[in-house]
Amino acid sequence: MDIEDKTGRLDVRAETIGKMQIDVEVQLQNQGNMLRCTLYYLSKMYVQSIRPGDDYAKLKKR
């Protein structure tokens, strides 16, 4: 890792008091992939809201 390299990313997943899931991504350089990253992380958060075998009705609204 080069300390002068400014292409870093930071991903933070949080939950509010009201149980809303939030994903924050910070990119120090435009990598042209924010739409895909956003869709990927949103999809991942959505499917992780239930366990295998659970009814789909348990999926949390985002």
C-alpha atoms as a PDB file:
ATOM      1  CA  MET A   1       0.000   0.000   0.000  1.00  0.00           C
ATOM      2  CA  ASP A   2       1.309   3.409  -0.969  1.00  0.00           C
ATOM      3  CA  ILE A   3       0.421   6.243   1.440  1.00  0.00           C
ATOM      4  CA  GLU A   4       0.250   8.596  -1.557  1.00  0.00           C
ATOM      5  CA  ASP A   5      -2.324   6.373  -3.299  1.00  0.00           C
ATOM      6  CA  LYS A   6      -5.643   8.197  -3.060  1.00  0.00           C
ATOM      7  CA  THR A   7      -7.912   5.599  -4.643  1.00  0.00           C
ATOM      8  CA  GLY A   8      -9.177   4.284  -1.310  1.00  0.00           C
ATOM      9  CA  ARG A   9     -12.727   3.310  -0.443  1.00  0.00           C
ATOM     10  CA  LEU A  10     -14.634   3.159   2.804  1.00  0.00           C
ATOM     11  CA  ASP A  11     -17.815   1.121   3.268  1.00  0.00           C
ATOM     12  CA  VAL A  12     -19.885   1.474   6.423  1.00  0.00           C
ATOM     13  CA  ARG A  13     -23.053  -0.470   7.199  1.00  0.00           C
ATOM     14  CA  ALA A  14     -25.174   0.891  10.033  1.00  0.00           C
ATOM     15  CA  GLU A  15     -28.590   0.452  11.593  1.00  0.00           C
ATOM     16  CA  THR A  16     -30.653   3.351  12.913  1.00  0.00           C
ATOM     17  CA  ILE A  17     -32.640   3.279  16.148  1.00  0.00           C
ATOM     18  CA  GLY A  18     -35.710   2.624  13.971  1.00  0.00           C
ATOM     19  CA  LYS A  19     -33.981  -0.501  12.533  1.00  0.00           C
ATOM     20  CA  MET A  20     -33.393   1.055   9.103  1.00  0.00           C
ATOM     21  CA  GLN A  21     -30.302  -0.370   7.410  1.00  0.00           C
ATOM     22  CA  ILE A  22     -27.904   2.160   5.867  1.00  0.00           C
ATOM     23  CA  ASP A  23     -24.858   1.556   3.675  1.00  0.00           C
ATOM     24  CA  VAL A  24     -22.453   4.446   3.170  1.00  0.00           C
ATOM     25  CA  GLU A  25     -19.701   4.194   0.582  1.00  0.00           C
ATOM     26  CA  VAL A  26     -17.001   6.805   0.198  1.00  0.00           C
ATOM     27  CA  GLN A  27     -14.698   6.718  -2.826  1.00  0.00           C
ATOM     28  CA  LEU A  28     -11.837   9.160  -2.959  1.00  0.00           C
ATOM     29  CA  GLN A  29     -11.645   8.848  -6.728  1.00  0.00           C
ATOM     30  CA  ASN A  30     -14.458   8.360  -9.227  1.00  0.00           C
ATOM     31  CA  GLN A  31     -14.141   4.754 -10.346  1.00  0.00           C
ATOM     32  CA  GLY A  32     -17.247   4.923 -12.512  1.00  0.00           C
ATOM     33  CA  ASN A  33     -18.984   2.141 -10.612  1.00  0.00           C
ATOM     34  CA  MET A  34     -21.223   3.797  -8.011  1.00  0.00           C
ATOM     35  CA  LEU A  35     -24.461   2.592  -9.587  1.00  0.00           C
ATOM     36  CA  ARG A  36     -23.255  -1.014  -9.619  1.00  0.00           C
ATOM     37  CA  CYS A  37     -21.794  -0.777  -6.102  1.00  0.00           C
ATOM     38  CA  THR A  38     -25.011   0.726  -4.759  1.00  0.00           C
ATOM     39  CA  LEU A  39     -27.135  -1.974  -6.363  1.00  0.00           C
ATOM     40  CA  TYR A  40     -24.805  -4.712  -5.090  1.00  0.00           C
ATOM     41  CA  TYR A  41     -24.766  -3.513  -1.473  1.00  0.00           C
ATOM     42  CA  LEU A  42     -28.511  -2.797  -1.417  1.00  0.00           C
ATOM     43  CA  SER A  43     -29.234  -6.275  -2.776  1.00  0.00           C
ATOM     44  CA  LYS A  44     -26.877  -7.845  -0.243  1.00  0.00           C
ATOM     45  CA  MET A  45     -28.494  -6.000   2.668  1.00  0.00           C
ATOM     46  CA  TYR A  46     -31.966  -6.984   1.450  1.00  0.00           C
ATOM     47  CA  VAL A  47     -31.315 -10.716   1.152  1.00  0.00           C
ATOM     48  CA  GLN A  48     -29.422 -10.803   4.453  1.00  0.00           C
ATOM     49  CA  SER A  49     -32.546  -9.607   6.253  1.00  0.00           C
ATOM     50  CA  ILE A  50     -33.891 -13.200   6.287  1.00  0.00           C
ATOM     51  CA  ARG A  51     -32.377 -16.628   6.886  1.00  0.00           C
ATOM     52  CA  PRO A  52     -32.540 -19.635   4.561  1.00  0.00           C
ATOM     53  CA  GLY A  53     -35.948 -21.283   4.934  1.00  0.00           C
ATOM     54  CA  ASP A  54     -37.676 -18.111   6.185  1.00  0.00           C
ATOM     55  CA  ASP A  55     -40.810 -16.899   4.456  1.00  0.00           C
ATOM     56  CA  TYR A  56     -40.187 -14.115   1.929  1.00  0.00           C
ATOM     57  CA  ALA A  57     -42.791 -12.028   3.791  1.00  0.00           C
ATOM     58  CA  LYS A  58     -40.085 -11.497   6.457  1.00  0.00           C
ATOM     59  CA  LEU A  59     -37.932  -9.466   4.044  1.00  0.00           C
ATOM     60  CA  LYS A  60     -37.471  -5.999   5.539  1.00  0.00           C
ATOM     61  CA  LYS A  61     -38.493  -2.922   3.617  1.00  0.00           C
ATOM     62  CA  ARG A  62     -35.649  -0.579   2.775  1.00  0.00           C
END
